[in-house]
Amino acid sequence: MREAIIKAVANPPKVLWGPFLPTMMNMGIQFPLMFMLLGTLNVNPLFFMITLILGHIFCIFVGIKEPHISAMIQAYGQTNHTSHNLYKEKGNKFAP
């Protein structure tokens, strides 16, 4: 039981050798943009396949440098909010 937890922490999920969340964000941005421009401007879809591959290669290099980038993005999303300070001070004090 303990071995599975250690393995999951040591090896974060990947999609085609890239970290999960940045890779899904890359695809989630590129595909709708591709379909919108295909429908409106009749752009060659090969251009978008090239940019998708270049974006994925960038995600792979980011994942090599920081393998836990998906967890870092999720943690940033949960903690990036302004708090209401009880006292007049500079900065966020995370007080209720």
PDB file of N, CA and C in Angstrom:
ATOM      1  N   MET A   1       0.828  -1.195   0.000  1.00  0.00           N
ATOM      2  CA  MET A   1       0.000   0.000   0.000  1.00  0.00           C
ATOM      3  C   MET A   1       0.867   1.252   0.000  1.00  0.00           C
ATOM      4  N   ARG A   2       1.879   1.280   0.817  1.00  0.00           N
ATOM      5  CA  ARG A   2       2.731   2.448   0.899  1.00  0.00           C
ATOM      6  C   ARG A   2       3.533   2.650  -0.383  1.00  0.00           C
ATOM      7  N   GLU A   3       3.870   1.574  -1.033  1.00  0.00           N
ATOM      8  CA  GLU A   3       4.658   1.661  -2.260  1.00  0.00           C
ATOM      9  C   GLU A   3       3.910   2.403  -3.363  1.00  0.00           C
ATOM     10  N   ALA A   4       2.617   2.212  -3.472  1.00  0.00           N
ATOM     11  CA  ALA A   4       1.832   2.890  -4.512  1.00  0.00           C
ATOM     12  C   ALA A   4       1.802   4.402  -4.281  1.00  0.00           C
ATOM     13  N   ILE A   5       1.739   4.833  -3.027  1.00  0.00           N
ATOM     14  CA  ILE A   5       1.735   6.260  -2.720  1.00  0.00           C
ATOM     15  C   ILE A   5       3.068   6.883  -3.092  1.00  0.00           C
ATOM     16  N   ILE A   6       4.142   6.231  -2.745  1.00  0.00           N
ATOM     17  CA  ILE A   6       5.472   6.760  -3.074  1.00  0.00           C
ATOM     18  C   ILE A   6       5.644   6.833  -4.583  1.00  0.00           C
ATOM     19  N   LYS A   7       5.197   5.835  -5.312  1.00  0.00           N
ATOM     20  CA  LYS A   7       5.325   5.836  -6.762  1.00  0.00           C
ATOM     21  C   LYS A   7       4.508   6.959  -7.385  1.00  0.00           C
ATOM     22  N   ALA A   8       3.306   7.211  -6.874  1.00  0.00           N
ATOM     23  CA  ALA A   8       2.465   8.276  -7.425  1.00  0.00           C
ATOM     24  C   ALA A   8       3.075   9.647  -7.173  1.00  0.00           C
ATOM     25  N   VAL A   9       3.715   9.834  -6.044  1.00  0.00           N
ATOM     26  CA  VAL A   9       4.336  11.124  -5.746  1.00  0.00           C
ATOM     27  C   VAL A   9       5.614  11.302  -6.549  1.00  0.00           C
ATOM     28  N   ALA A  10       6.373  10.233  -6.700  1.00  0.00           N
ATOM     29  CA  ALA A  10       7.650  10.329  -7.402  1.00  0.00           C
ATOM     30  C   ALA A  10       7.464  10.465  -8.916  1.00  0.00           C
ATOM     31  N   ASN A  11       6.410   9.886  -9.449  1.00  0.00           N
ATOM     32  CA  ASN A  11       6.168   9.922 -10.893  1.00  0.00           C
ATOM     33  C   ASN A  11       4.832  10.600 -11.174  1.00  0.00           C
ATOM     34  N   PRO A  12       4.815  11.917 -11.325  1.00  0.00           N
ATOM     35  CA  PRO A  12       3.546  12.597 -11.617  1.00  0.00           C
ATOM     36  C   PRO A  12       3.019  12.170 -12.989  1.00  0.00           C
ATOM     37  N   PRO A  13       1.703  12.291 -13.215  1.00  0.00           N
ATOM     38  CA  PRO A  13       1.119  11.836 -14.481  1.00  0.00           C
ATOM     39  C   PRO A  13       1.649  12.622 -15.677  1.00  0.00           C
ATOM     40  N   LYS A  14       1.817  11.907 -16.780  1.00  0.00           N
ATOM     41  CA  LYS A  14       2.339  12.513 -18.001  1.00  0.00           C
ATOM     42  C   LYS A  14       1.454  12.114 -19.182  1.00  0.00           C
ATOM     43  N   VAL A  15       1.420  12.961 -20.192  1.00  0.00           N
ATOM     44  CA  VAL A  15       0.733  12.685 -21.455  1.00  0.00           C
ATOM     45  C   VAL A  15       1.777  12.820 -22.552  1.00  0.00           C
ATOM     46  N   LEU A  16       2.140  11.716 -23.169  1.00  0.00           N
ATOM     47  CA  LEU A  16       3.170  11.696 -24.219  1.00  0.00           C
ATOM     48  C   LEU A  16       4.442  12.420 -23.754  1.00  0.00           C
ATOM     49  N   TRP A  17       4.948  12.057 -22.614  1.00  0.00           N
ATOM     50  CA  TRP A  17       6.183  12.536 -21.996  1.00  0.00           C
ATOM     51  C   TRP A  17       6.119  13.964 -21.475  1.00  0.00           C
ATOM     52  N   GLY A  18       4.981  14.598 -21.551  1.00  0.00           N
ATOM     53  CA  GLY A  18       4.816  15.958 -21.044  1.00  0.00           C
ATOM     54  C   GLY A  18       3.967  15.954 -19.780  1.00  0.00           C
ATOM     55  N   PRO A  19       4.153  16.933 -18.897  1.00  0.00           N
ATOM     56  CA  PRO A  19       3.328  17.000 -17.687  1.00  0.00           C
ATOM     57  C   PRO A  19       1.858  17.176 -18.047  1.00  0.00           C
ATOM     58  N   PHE A  20       0.983  16.573 -17.245  1.00  0.00           N
ATOM     59  CA  PHE A  20      -0.430  16.453 -17.598  1.00  0.00           C
ATOM     60  C   PHE A  20      -1.118  17.798 -17.790  1.00  0.00           C
ATOM     61  N   LEU A  21      -1.076  18.668 -16.797  1.00  0.00           N
ATOM     62  CA  LEU A  21      -1.853  19.906 -16.852  1.00  0.00           C
ATOM     63  C   LEU A  21      -1.375  20.879 -17.945  1.00  0.00           C
ATOM     64  N   PRO A  22      -0.063  21.153 -18.075  1.00  0.00           N
ATOM     65  CA  PRO A  22       0.348  22.041 -19.181  1.00  0.00           C
ATOM     66  C   PRO A  22       0.043  21.470 -20.567  1.00  0.00           C
ATOM     67  N   THR A  23       0.143  20.146 -20.699  1.00  0.00           N
ATOM     68  CA  THR A  23      -0.166  19.532 -21.993  1.00  0.00           C
ATOM     69  C   THR A  23      -1.651  19.670 -22.320  1.00  0.00           C
ATOM     70  N   MET A  24      -2.505  19.444 -21.327  1.00  0.00           N
ATOM     71  CA  MET A  24      -3.944  19.598 -21.558  1.00  0.00           C
ATOM     72  C   MET A  24      -4.312  21.065 -21.807  1.00  0.00           C
ATOM     73  N   MET A  25      -3.624  21.988 -21.140  1.00  0.00           N
ATOM     74  CA  MET A  25      -3.874  23.407 -21.397  1.00  0.00           C
ATOM     75  C   MET A  25      -3.453  23.770 -22.816  1.00  0.00           C
ATOM     76  N   ASN A  26      -2.341  23.232 -23.280  1.00  0.00           N
ATOM     77  CA  ASN A  26      -1.875  23.481 -24.639  1.00  0.00           C
ATOM     78  C   ASN A  26      -2.917  23.005 -25.651  1.00  0.00           C
ATOM     79  N   MET A  27      -3.406  21.780 -25.464  1.00  0.00           N
ATOM     80  CA  MET A  27      -4.402  21.246 -26.384  1.00  0.00           C
ATOM     81  C   MET A  27      -5.733  21.982 -26.243  1.00  0.00           C
ATOM     82  N   GLY A  28      -6.093  22.362 -25.025  1.00  0.00           N
ATOM     83  CA  GLY A  28      -7.356  23.048 -24.790  1.00  0.00           C
ATOM     84  C   GLY A  28      -7.397  24.446 -25.369  1.00  0.00           C
ATOM     85  N   ILE A  29      -6.242  25.048 -25.567  1.00  0.00           N
ATOM     86  CA  ILE A  29      -6.180  26.373 -26.189  1.00  0.00           C
ATOM     87  C   ILE A  29      -6.052  26.256 -27.709  1.00  0.00           C
ATOM     88  N   GLN A  30      -5.209  25.329 -28.154  1.00  0.00           N
ATOM     89  CA  GLN A  30      -4.907  25.237 -29.586  1.00  0.00           C
ATOM     90  C   GLN A  30      -6.066  24.688 -30.418  1.00  0.00           C
ATOM     91  N   PHE A  31      -6.774  23.657 -29.921  1.00  0.00           N
ATOM     92  CA  PHE A  31      -7.838  23.063 -30.734  1.00  0.00           C
ATOM     93  C   PHE A  31      -9.015  24.007 -30.962  1.00  0.00           C
ATOM     94  N   PRO A  32      -9.562  24.663 -29.927  1.00  0.00           N
ATOM     95  CA  PRO A  32     -10.655  25.604 -30.229  1.00  0.00           C
ATOM     96  C   PRO A  32     -10.215  26.752 -31.134  1.00  0.00           C
ATOM     97  N   LEU A  33      -8.987  27.254 -30.929  1.00  0.00           N
ATOM     98  CA  LEU A  33      -8.469  28.309 -31.789  1.00  0.00           C
ATOM     99  C   LEU A  33      -8.362  27.822 -33.231  1.00  0.00           C
ATOM    100  N   MET A  34      -7.897  26.578 -33.398  1.00  0.00           N
ATOM    101  CA  MET A  34      -7.777  26.028 -34.737  1.00  0.00           C
ATOM    102  C   MET A  34      -9.148  25.931 -35.410  1.00  0.00           C
ATOM    103  N   PHE A  35     -10.151  25.413 -34.699  1.00  0.00           N
ATOM    104  CA  PHE A  35     -11.466  25.255 -35.316  1.00  0.00           C
ATOM    105  C   PHE A  35     -12.127  26.597 -35.600  1.00  0.00           C
ATOM    106  N   MET A  36     -11.901  27.586 -34.737  1.00  0.00           N
ATOM    107  CA  MET A  36     -12.473  28.908 -35.000  1.00  0.00           C
ATOM    108  C   MET A  36     -11.851  29.553 -36.227  1.00  0.00           C
ATOM    109  N   LEU A  37     -10.532  29.473 -36.336  1.00  0.00           N
ATOM    110  CA  LEU A  37      -9.875  30.085 -37.489  1.00  0.00           C
ATOM    111  C   LEU A  37     -10.100  29.289 -38.772  1.00  0.00           C
ATOM    112  N   LEU A  38     -10.275  27.965 -38.643  1.00  0.00           N
ATOM    113  CA  LEU A  38     -10.618  27.178 -39.831  1.00  0.00           C
ATOM    114  C   LEU A  38     -11.986  27.590 -40.371  1.00  0.00           C
ATOM    115  N   GLY A  39     -12.922  27.821 -39.466  1.00  0.00           N
ATOM    116  CA  GLY A  39     -14.267  28.182 -39.902  1.00  0.00           C
ATOM    117  C   GLY A  39     -14.394  29.601 -40.397  1.00  0.00           C
ATOM    118  N   THR A  40     -13.615  30.526 -39.835  1.00  0.00           N
ATOM    119  CA  THR A  40     -13.780  31.927 -40.211  1.00  0.00           C
ATOM    120  C   THR A  40     -12.818  32.375 -41.310  1.00  0.00           C
ATOM    121  N   LEU A  41     -11.553  31.994 -41.197  1.00  0.00           N
ATOM    122  CA  LEU A  41     -10.546  32.496 -42.135  1.00  0.00           C
ATOM    123  C   LEU A  41     -10.019  31.444 -43.102  1.00  0.00           C
ATOM    124  N   ASN A  42     -10.483  30.183 -42.960  1.00  0.00           N
ATOM    125  CA  ASN A  42     -10.034  29.099 -43.833  1.00  0.00           C
ATOM    126  C   ASN A  42      -8.514  28.955 -43.817  1.00  0.00           C
ATOM    127  N   VAL A  43      -7.954  28.884 -42.605  1.00  0.00           N
ATOM    128  CA  VAL A  43      -6.504  28.750 -42.419  1.00  0.00           C
ATOM    129  C   VAL A  43      -6.105  27.288 -42.590  1.00  0.00           C
ATOM    130  N   ASN A  44      -4.914  27.046 -43.074  1.00  0.00           N
ATOM    131  CA  ASN A  44      -4.406  25.697 -43.259  1.00  0.00           C
ATOM    132  C   ASN A  44      -4.224  25.024 -41.894  1.00  0.00           C
ATOM    133  N   PRO A  45      -4.833  23.834 -41.666  1.00  0.00           N
ATOM    134  CA  PRO A  45      -4.709  23.174 -40.368  1.00  0.00           C
ATOM    135  C   PRO A  45      -3.307  22.656 -40.084  1.00  0.00           C
ATOM    136  N   LEU A  46      -2.466  22.532 -41.089  1.00  0.00           N
ATOM    137  CA  LEU A  46      -1.093  22.084 -40.873  1.00  0.00           C
ATOM    138  C   LEU A  46      -0.333  23.078 -39.993  1.00  0.00           C
ATOM    139  N   PHE A  47      -0.641  24.355 -40.121  1.00  0.00           N
ATOM    140  CA  PHE A  47      -0.017  25.378 -39.277  1.00  0.00           C
ATOM    141  C   PHE A  47      -0.295  25.088 -37.800  1.00  0.00           C
ATOM    142  N   PHE A  48      -1.533  24.701 -37.491  1.00  0.00           N
ATOM    143  CA  PHE A  48      -1.888  24.447 -36.101  1.00  0.00           C
ATOM    144  C   PHE A  48      -1.291  23.144 -35.592  1.00  0.00           C
ATOM    145  N   MET A  49      -1.113  22.177 -36.458  1.00  0.00           N
ATOM    146  CA  MET A  49      -0.462  20.944 -36.022  1.00  0.00           C
ATOM    147  C   MET A  49       1.005  21.213 -35.683  1.00  0.00           C
ATOM    148  N   ILE A  50       1.630  22.090 -36.443  1.00  0.00           N
ATOM    149  CA  ILE A  50       3.026  22.446 -36.154  1.00  0.00           C
ATOM    150  C   ILE A  50       3.111  23.199 -34.839  1.00  0.00           C
ATOM    151  N   THR A  51       2.209  24.155 -34.604  1.00  0.00           N
ATOM    152  CA  THR A  51       2.250  24.900 -33.341  1.00  0.00           C
ATOM    153  C   THR A  51       1.876  24.003 -32.160  1.00  0.00           C
ATOM    154  N   LEU A  52       0.998  23.028 -32.377  1.00  0.00           N
ATOM    155  CA  LEU A  52       0.649  22.085 -31.315  1.00  0.00           C
ATOM    156  C   LEU A  52       1.859  21.238 -30.930  1.00  0.00           C
ATOM    157  N   ILE A  53       2.604  20.779 -31.920  1.00  0.00           N
ATOM    158  CA  ILE A  53       3.798  19.976 -31.644  1.00  0.00           C
ATOM    159  C   ILE A  53       4.871  20.826 -30.973  1.00  0.00           C
ATOM    160  N   LEU A  54       5.068  22.060 -31.435  1.00  0.00           N
ATOM    161  CA  LEU A  54       6.055  22.929 -30.792  1.00  0.00           C
ATOM    162  C   LEU A  54       5.657  23.252 -29.351  1.00  0.00           C
ATOM    163  N   GLY A  55       4.375  23.480 -29.112  1.00  0.00           N
ATOM    164  CA  GLY A  55       3.910  23.712 -27.753  1.00  0.00           C
ATOM    165  C   GLY A  55       4.094  22.493 -26.876  1.00  0.00           C
ATOM    166  N   HIS A  56       3.891  21.303 -27.441  1.00  0.00           N
ATOM    167  CA  HIS A  56       4.081  20.081 -26.669  1.00  0.00           C
ATOM    168  C   HIS A  56       5.561  19.859 -26.350  1.00  0.00           C
ATOM    169  N   ILE A  57       6.424  20.167 -27.295  1.00  0.00           N
ATOM    170  CA  ILE A  57       7.861  20.050 -27.033  1.00  0.00           C
ATOM    171  C   ILE A  57       8.267  21.010 -25.919  1.00  0.00           C
ATOM    172  N   PHE A  58       7.703  22.215 -25.928  1.00  0.00           N
ATOM    173  CA  PHE A  58       7.968  23.170 -24.851  1.00  0.00           C
ATOM    174  C   PHE A  58       7.485  22.607 -23.511  1.00  0.00           C
ATOM    175  N   CYS A  59       6.295  21.984 -23.507  1.00  0.00           N
ATOM    176  CA  CYS A  59       5.772  21.380 -22.268  1.00  0.00           C
ATOM    177  C   CYS A  59       6.669  20.247 -21.787  1.00  0.00           C
ATOM    178  N   ILE A  60       7.224  19.471 -22.701  1.00  0.00           N
ATOM    179  CA  ILE A  60       8.141  18.391 -22.315  1.00  0.00           C
ATOM    180  C   ILE A  60       9.374  18.968 -21.642  1.00  0.00           C
ATOM    181  N   PHE A  61       9.948  20.041 -22.199  1.00  0.00           N
ATOM    182  CA  PHE A  61      11.137  20.643 -21.591  1.00  0.00           C
ATOM    183  C   PHE A  61      10.821  21.261 -20.232  1.00  0.00           C
ATOM    184  N   VAL A  62       9.640  21.853 -20.085  1.00  0.00           N
ATOM    185  CA  VAL A  62       9.235  22.384 -18.782  1.00  0.00           C
ATOM    186  C   VAL A  62       9.091  21.235 -17.780  1.00  0.00           C
ATOM    187  N   GLY A  63       8.534  20.106 -18.240  1.00  0.00           N
ATOM    188  CA  GLY A  63       8.379  18.937 -17.379  1.00  0.00           C
ATOM    189  C   GLY A  63       9.696  18.302 -16.992  1.00  0.00           C
ATOM    190  N   ILE A  64      10.692  18.388 -17.854  1.00  0.00           N
ATOM    191  CA  ILE A  64      12.010  17.867 -17.504  1.00  0.00           C
ATOM    192  C   ILE A  64      12.637  18.734 -16.422  1.00  0.00           C
ATOM    193  N   LYS A  65      12.496  20.051 -16.558  1.00  0.00           N
ATOM    194  CA  LYS A  65      13.075  20.962 -15.578  1.00  0.00           C
ATOM    195  C   LYS A  65      12.347  20.887 -14.243  1.00  0.00           C
ATOM    196  N   GLU A  66      11.018  20.850 -14.269  1.00  0.00           N
ATOM    197  CA  GLU A  66      10.211  20.810 -13.046  1.00  0.00           C
ATOM    198  C   GLU A  66       9.122  19.756 -13.220  1.00  0.00           C
ATOM    199  N   PRO A  67       9.361  18.503 -12.765  1.00  0.00           N
ATOM    200  CA  PRO A  67       8.402  17.430 -13.012  1.00  0.00           C
ATOM    201  C   PRO A  67       7.060  17.617 -12.302  1.00  0.00           C
ATOM    202  N   HIS A  68       7.000  18.410 -11.248  1.00  0.00           N
ATOM    203  CA  HIS A  68       5.760  18.591 -10.495  1.00  0.00           C
ATOM    204  C   HIS A  68       5.070  19.913 -10.844  1.00  0.00           C
ATOM    205  N   ILE A  69       5.198  20.360 -12.088  1.00  0.00           N
ATOM    206  CA  ILE A  69       4.611  21.637 -12.506  1.00  0.00           C
ATOM    207  C   ILE A  69       3.083  21.593 -12.437  1.00  0.00           C
ATOM    208  N   SER A  70       2.474  20.442 -12.681  1.00  0.00           N
ATOM    209  CA  SER A  70       1.013  20.340 -12.602  1.00  0.00           C
ATOM    210  C   SER A  70       0.527  20.611 -11.187  1.00  0.00           C
ATOM    211  N   ALA A  71       1.199  20.025 -10.203  1.00  0.00           N
ATOM    212  CA  ALA A  71       0.817  20.249  -8.805  1.00  0.00           C
ATOM    213  C   ALA A  71       1.065  21.699  -8.406  1.00  0.00           C
ATOM    214  N   MET A  72       2.111  22.301  -8.938  1.00  0.00           N
ATOM    215  CA  MET A  72       2.402  23.696  -8.622  1.00  0.00           C
ATOM    216  C   MET A  72       1.327  24.617  -9.199  1.00  0.00           C
ATOM    217  N   ILE A  73       0.846  24.335 -10.403  1.00  0.00           N
ATOM    218  CA  ILE A  73      -0.206  25.147 -11.018  1.00  0.00           C
ATOM    219  C   ILE A  73      -1.504  25.003 -10.224  1.00  0.00           C
ATOM    220  N   GLN A  74      -1.827  23.786  -9.804  1.00  0.00           N
ATOM    221  CA  GLN A  74      -3.044  23.573  -9.018  1.00  0.00           C
ATOM    222  C   GLN A  74      -2.956  24.263  -7.672  1.00  0.00           C
ATOM    223  N   ALA A  75      -1.792  24.217  -7.017  1.00  0.00           N
ATOM    224  CA  ALA A  75      -1.630  24.877  -5.716  1.00  0.00           C
ATOM    225  C   ALA A  75      -1.716  26.395  -5.866  1.00  0.00           C
ATOM    226  N   TYR A  76      -1.174  26.934  -6.951  1.00  0.00           N
ATOM    227  CA  TYR A  76      -1.263  28.371  -7.183  1.00  0.00           C
ATOM    228  C   TYR A  76      -2.707  28.800  -7.376  1.00  0.00           C
ATOM    229  N   GLY A  77      -3.481  27.989  -8.078  1.00  0.00           N
ATOM    230  CA  GLY A  77      -4.884  28.322  -8.298  1.00  0.00           C
ATOM    231  C   GLY A  77      -5.700  28.324  -7.020  1.00  0.00           C
ATOM    232  N   GLN A  78      -5.325  27.494  -6.061  1.00  0.00           N
ATOM    233  CA  GLN A  78      -6.067  27.434  -4.801  1.00  0.00           C
ATOM    234  C   GLN A  78      -5.663  28.540  -3.835  1.00  0.00           C
ATOM    235  N   THR A  79      -4.436  29.039  -3.933  1.00  0.00           N
ATOM    236  CA  THR A  79      -3.963  30.037  -2.964  1.00  0.00           C
ATOM    237  C   THR A  79      -3.891  31.446  -3.527  1.00  0.00           C
ATOM    238  N   ASN A  80      -4.156  31.645  -4.795  1.00  0.00           N
ATOM    239  CA  ASN A  80      -4.053  32.963  -5.396  1.00  0.00           C
ATOM    240  C   ASN A  80      -5.369  33.723  -5.231  1.00  0.00           C
ATOM    241  N   HIS A  81      -5.611  34.197  -4.037  1.00  0.00           N
ATOM    242  CA  HIS A  81      -6.781  35.025  -3.794  1.00  0.00           C
ATOM    243  C   HIS A  81      -6.405  36.074  -2.761  1.00  0.00           C
ATOM    244  N   THR A  82      -7.063  37.192  -2.844  1.00  0.00           N
ATOM    245  CA  THR A  82      -6.763  38.256  -1.888  1.00  0.00           C
ATOM    246  C   THR A  82      -7.559  38.025  -0.620  1.00  0.00           C
ATOM    247  N   SER A  83      -6.941  38.347   0.489  1.00  0.00           N
ATOM    248  CA  SER A  83      -7.622  38.174   1.765  1.00  0.00           C
ATOM    249  C   SER A  83      -8.007  39.539   2.320  1.00  0.00           C
ATOM    250  N   HIS A  84      -8.940  39.527   3.207  1.00  0.00           N
ATOM    251  CA  HIS A  84      -9.366  40.753   3.871  1.00  0.00           C
ATOM    252  C   HIS A  84      -8.677  40.793   5.227  1.00  0.00           C
ATOM    253  N   ASN A  85      -7.761  41.727   5.371  1.00  0.00           N
ATOM    254  CA  ASN A  85      -7.005  41.830   6.617  1.00  0.00           C
ATOM    255  C   ASN A  85      -7.873  42.425   7.727  1.00  0.00           C
ATOM    256  N   LEU A  86      -7.640  41.940   8.930  1.00  0.00           N
ATOM    257  CA  LEU A  86      -8.354  42.481  10.083  1.00  0.00           C
ATOM    258  C   LEU A  86      -7.818  43.855  10.460  1.00  0.00           C
ATOM    259  N   TYR A  87      -6.527  44.039  10.244  1.00  0.00           N
ATOM    260  CA  TYR A  87      -5.879  45.291  10.619  1.00  0.00           C
ATOM    261  C   TYR A  87      -5.288  45.932   9.378  1.00  0.00           C
ATOM    262  N   LYS A  88      -5.124  47.246   9.390  1.00  0.00           N
ATOM    263  CA  LYS A  88      -4.551  47.961   8.256  1.00  0.00           C
ATOM    264  C   LYS A  88      -3.051  47.689   8.198  1.00  0.00           C
ATOM    265  N   GLU A  89      -2.642  46.784   7.336  1.00  0.00           N
ATOM    266  CA  GLU A  89      -1.235  46.465   7.122  1.00  0.00           C
ATOM    267  C   GLU A  89      -1.028  46.218   5.641  1.00  0.00           C
ATOM    268  N   LYS A  90       0.205  46.272   5.225  1.00  0.00           N
ATOM    269  CA  LYS A  90       0.530  45.987   3.836  1.00  0.00           C
ATOM    270  C   LYS A  90       0.575  44.491   3.615  1.00  0.00           C
ATOM    271  N   GLY A  91       0.128  44.053   2.461  1.00  0.00           N
ATOM    272  CA  GLY A  91       0.227  42.658   2.078  1.00  0.00           C
ATOM    273  C   GLY A  91      -0.911  41.809   2.598  1.00  0.00           C
ATOM    274  N   ASN A  92      -0.915  40.569   2.145  1.00  0.00           N
ATOM    275  CA  ASN A  92      -1.939  39.630   2.578  1.00  0.00           C
ATOM    276  C   ASN A  92      -1.444  38.876   3.800  1.00  0.00           C
ATOM    277  N   LYS A  93      -2.248  38.840   4.821  1.00  0.00           N
ATOM    278  CA  LYS A  93      -1.878  38.142   6.051  1.00  0.00           C
ATOM    279  C   LYS A  93      -2.657  36.837   6.198  1.00  0.00           C
ATOM    280  N   PHE A  94      -3.578  36.536   5.280  1.00  0.00           N
ATOM    281  CA  PHE A  94      -4.403  35.338   5.301  1.00  0.00           C
ATOM    282  C   PHE A  94      -5.183  35.204   6.609  1.00  0.00           C
ATOM    283  N   ALA A  95      -5.619  36.306   7.137  1.00  0.00           N
ATOM    284  CA  ALA A  95      -6.471  36.302   8.331  1.00  0.00           C
ATOM    285  C   ALA A  95      -7.922  36.295   7.875  1.00  0.00           C
ATOM    286  N   PRO A  96      -8.808  35.652   8.603  1.00  0.00           N
ATOM    287  CA  PRO A  96     -10.210  35.614   8.188  1.00  0.00           C
ATOM    288  C   PRO A  96     -10.887  36.973   8.278  1.00  0.00           C
TER     289      PRO A  96
END
